[in-house]
Amino acid sequence: MTEARPDSRRTAISDPQVMRALAHPARIAIMEYLTAHHGGGTATECAEVVGLSPSATSYHLRALAKFGLVEQAPSRGDARERVWRVASGSLLVDAGRDAGPAARAAEQAVVEAYAARAMERVRDWSRRAGDEPAEWYDNALFNDTLLLLTAEELAGLNEAVLALLRPYQARRREADPPPGARTVAVHYRTVPLA
């Protein structure tokens, strides 16, 4: 099981303890924020995103740092402010085919936490879609397609879709975003059915 591979600095996570540490909604939101912002962020900035106090957010940042998922970034000039950044460009969460029950359960917890976050985004959009400008309302898309593929074709499809998404990643565009740009969540999953 893999996540998108936006660059070569990828961290493989197979340790159940690290997976459990990542499988927390606030930590997922922090990781996402730091991944999207090349310059990193402070606990106060992350707190605004996750809806927690800066001290609670600092606790989560330290937990993520303990497992090597985030690290301190260079100071922005004010030595009193601690800036954090992701330690890797992307993550590969994979307990492995022969994983034991603890690793499999930890991997499942990460998958379920990410799936819950994705579903909450869909619900949020649904609640506010009618208040959105027409150009955003008309271009939002929900698509569920069943394909008949070989394993090799699935690998090729994944590579092609990820290549299409790569140039638009927030982290790559944050320095000079085009006028009117907004963050858009793309939930791309390919899962073979039973």
Protein backbone atom coordinates (compact mmCIF):
# COMPACT_ATOMS: atom_id res chain seq x y z
CA MET A 1 0.00 0.00 0.00
CA THR A 2 1.48 3.30 -0.99
CA GLU A 3 0.88 7.00 -0.93
CA ALA A 4 1.78 9.42 -3.69
CA ARG A 5 5.48 9.77 -4.45
CA PRO A 6 5.98 13.49 -5.18
CA ASP A 7 9.76 13.47 -4.84
CA SER A 8 12.70 11.25 -4.07
CA ARG A 9 12.89 12.10 -0.35
CA ARG A 10 10.50 9.36 0.67
CA THR A 11 10.30 7.78 4.08
CA ALA A 12 9.08 4.19 4.36
CA ILE A 13 7.09 3.51 7.51
CA SER A 14 6.67 -0.09 8.58
CA ASP A 15 7.13 0.26 12.35
CA PRO A 16 3.74 -0.19 14.08
CA GLN A 17 4.65 2.38 16.74
CA VAL A 18 5.35 5.05 14.11
CA MET A 19 2.16 4.17 12.22
CA ARG A 20 0.11 4.49 15.42
CA ALA A 21 1.74 7.86 16.12
CA LEU A 22 0.76 9.05 12.64
CA ALA A 23 -2.81 7.72 12.86
CA HIS A 24 -4.09 10.74 14.80
CA PRO A 25 -6.32 13.34 13.12
CA ALA A 26 -4.36 16.33 14.48
CA ARG A 27 -1.05 14.81 13.44
CA ILE A 28 -2.33 14.07 9.95
CA ALA A 29 -3.47 17.69 9.63
CA ILE A 30 -0.11 18.95 10.90
CA MET A 31 1.81 16.74 8.47
CA GLU A 32 -0.40 17.89 5.61
CA TYR A 33 0.09 21.57 6.50
CA LEU A 34 3.85 21.22 6.80
CA THR A 35 4.05 19.24 3.56
CA ALA A 36 2.16 21.95 1.68
CA HIS A 37 4.28 24.79 3.11
CA HIS A 38 7.88 24.53 1.99
CA GLY A 39 9.05 26.97 4.67
CA GLY A 40 7.47 24.89 7.40
CA GLY A 41 5.38 26.27 10.21
CA THR A 42 5.29 27.05 13.90
CA ALA A 43 3.13 25.38 16.51
CA THR A 44 0.93 28.49 16.51
CA GLU A 45 0.45 28.32 12.73
CA CYS A 46 -0.29 24.59 12.87
CA ALA A 47 -2.68 25.15 15.81
CA GLU A 48 -4.85 27.39 13.62
CA VAL A 49 -5.16 24.57 11.10
CA VAL A 50 -5.88 21.75 13.55
CA GLY A 51 -8.07 23.74 15.95
CA LEU A 52 -5.97 23.05 19.03
CA SER A 53 -3.98 25.28 21.35
CA PRO A 54 -0.35 25.99 20.43
CA SER A 55 0.78 23.98 23.47
CA ALA A 56 -1.30 20.93 22.44
CA THR A 57 -0.01 21.31 18.90
CA SER A 58 3.57 21.50 20.21
CA TYR A 59 2.98 18.17 21.95
CA HIS A 60 1.92 16.59 18.64
CA LEU A 61 4.88 18.15 16.83
CA ARG A 62 7.29 16.72 19.39
CA ALA A 63 5.65 13.29 19.04
CA LEU A 64 6.03 13.45 15.26
CA ALA A 65 9.66 14.56 15.70
CA LYS A 66 10.33 11.65 18.06
CA PHE A 67 9.57 9.29 15.17
CA GLY A 68 11.50 11.31 12.59
CA LEU A 69 8.42 12.53 10.70
CA VAL A 70 9.08 16.24 11.33
CA GLU A 71 12.20 18.19 12.25
CA GLN A 72 13.17 21.69 13.22
CA ALA A 73 13.54 24.02 10.26
CA PRO A 74 15.92 26.97 10.02
CA SER A 75 14.78 29.96 12.03
CA ARG A 76 12.93 32.76 10.26
CA GLY A 77 15.00 35.32 12.12
CA ASP A 78 13.24 35.21 15.49
CA ALA A 79 15.16 32.65 17.52
CA ARG A 80 12.27 32.43 20.00
CA GLU A 81 10.01 30.85 17.40
CA ARG A 82 10.53 27.16 16.68
CA VAL A 83 9.81 26.35 13.03
CA TRP A 84 9.01 22.79 12.00
CA ARG A 85 9.05 21.07 8.62
CA VAL A 86 8.41 17.58 7.32
CA ALA A 87 11.50 15.40 7.39
CA SER A 88 10.62 13.70 4.10
CA GLY A 89 8.94 14.77 0.89
CA SER A 90 6.49 11.86 1.03
CA LEU A 91 5.61 8.81 3.05
CA LEU A 92 5.19 5.18 2.14
CA VAL A 93 3.10 3.46 4.80
CA ASP A 94 3.42 -0.27 4.36
CA ALA A 95 3.42 -2.93 7.04
CA GLY A 96 4.40 -5.49 4.42
CA ARG A 97 2.56 -8.52 3.11
CA ASP A 98 3.91 -10.76 5.86
CA ALA A 99 3.28 -8.31 8.71
CA GLY A 100 2.10 -9.55 12.06
CA PRO A 101 -1.21 -8.58 13.67
CA ALA A 102 0.21 -5.51 15.48
CA ALA A 103 1.71 -4.05 12.31
CA ARG A 104 -1.40 -4.85 10.28
CA ALA A 105 -3.63 -3.17 12.90
CA ALA A 106 -1.38 -0.09 12.98
CA GLU A 107 -1.43 0.15 9.19
CA GLN A 108 -5.22 -0.16 9.23
CA ALA A 109 -5.42 2.67 11.80
CA VAL A 110 -3.44 4.98 9.48
CA VAL A 111 -5.62 4.06 6.49
CA GLU A 112 -8.81 4.65 8.47
CA ALA A 113 -7.57 8.00 9.82
CA TYR A 114 -6.71 9.23 6.31
CA ALA A 115 -10.02 7.91 4.93
CA ALA A 116 -11.94 9.71 7.68
CA ARG A 117 -10.13 12.96 6.84
CA ALA A 118 -10.95 12.54 3.15
CA MET A 119 -14.61 11.83 3.92
CA GLU A 120 -14.83 14.89 6.18
CA ARG A 121 -13.59 17.02 3.30
CA VAL A 122 -16.34 15.62 1.08
CA ARG A 123 -18.94 16.33 3.77
CA ASP A 124 -17.60 19.86 4.27
CA TRP A 125 -17.81 20.54 0.54
CA SER A 126 -21.35 19.16 0.39
CA ARG A 127 -22.47 21.45 3.24
CA ARG A 128 -21.09 24.60 1.62
CA ALA A 129 -21.21 23.79 -2.12
CA GLY A 130 -24.32 25.91 -2.74
CA ASP A 131 -22.52 28.99 -1.38
CA GLU A 132 -19.48 28.54 -3.62
CA PRO A 133 -18.89 30.61 -6.79
CA ALA A 134 -20.23 28.95 -9.93
CA GLU A 135 -16.76 28.28 -11.39
CA TRP A 136 -15.82 26.22 -8.32
CA TYR A 137 -19.21 24.55 -7.94
CA ASP A 138 -19.31 23.55 -11.62
CA ASN A 139 -15.80 22.11 -11.61
CA ALA A 140 -15.89 20.06 -8.42
CA LEU A 141 -16.09 16.38 -9.32
CA PHE A 142 -17.14 13.16 -7.64
CA ASN A 143 -16.25 10.15 -9.72
CA ASP A 144 -16.37 6.47 -8.92
CA THR A 145 -15.29 4.26 -11.79
CA LEU A 146 -14.73 0.52 -11.89
CA LEU A 147 -11.89 -0.50 -14.19
CA LEU A 148 -10.78 -3.91 -15.41
CA LEU A 149 -6.97 -3.91 -15.20
CA THR A 150 -3.96 -6.15 -14.84
CA ALA A 151 -1.53 -5.41 -12.01
CA GLU A 152 0.88 -3.94 -14.56
CA GLU A 153 -1.84 -1.70 -16.04
CA LEU A 154 -2.77 -0.53 -12.53
CA ALA A 155 0.86 0.39 -11.87
CA GLY A 156 0.99 2.33 -15.13
CA LEU A 157 -2.30 4.10 -14.41
CA ASN A 158 -1.07 5.14 -10.96
CA GLU A 159 2.18 6.50 -12.41
CA ALA A 160 0.31 8.46 -15.10
CA VAL A 161 -2.22 10.00 -12.70
CA LEU A 162 0.47 10.95 -10.17
CA ALA A 163 2.51 12.52 -12.96
CA LEU A 164 -0.53 14.61 -13.95
CA LEU A 165 -0.99 15.83 -10.36
CA ARG A 166 2.67 16.55 -9.58
CA PRO A 167 2.98 20.00 -11.24
CA TYR A 168 -0.01 21.30 -9.26
CA GLN A 169 1.12 20.26 -5.78
CA ALA A 170 0.74 23.15 -3.35
CA ARG A 171 4.30 22.86 -2.13
CA ARG A 172 5.64 23.27 -5.67
CA ARG A 173 3.42 26.27 -6.42
CA GLU A 174 3.28 28.14 -3.12
CA ALA A 175 6.01 30.65 -4.04
CA ASP A 176 4.12 31.92 -7.10
CA PRO A 177 0.52 30.68 -7.23
CA PRO A 178 -1.61 31.77 -10.18
CA PRO A 179 -4.29 34.41 -9.46
CA GLY A 180 -7.46 32.84 -8.06
CA ALA A 181 -5.77 29.58 -7.05
CA ARG A 182 -7.22 27.66 -4.10
CA THR A 183 -6.13 24.51 -2.36
CA VAL A 184 -8.06 21.59 -3.85
CA ALA A 185 -8.13 18.13 -2.28
CA VAL A 186 -7.77 15.29 -4.78
CA HIS A 187 -8.54 11.91 -3.26
CA TYR A 188 -7.14 9.33 -5.61
CA ARG A 189 -7.34 5.72 -4.54
CA THR A 190 -6.97 2.51 -6.47
CA VAL A 191 -7.94 -0.61 -4.58
CA PRO A 192 -8.42 -4.01 -6.19
CA LEU A 193 -11.84 -5.45 -5.30
CA ALA A 194 -12.40 -8.95 -3.95
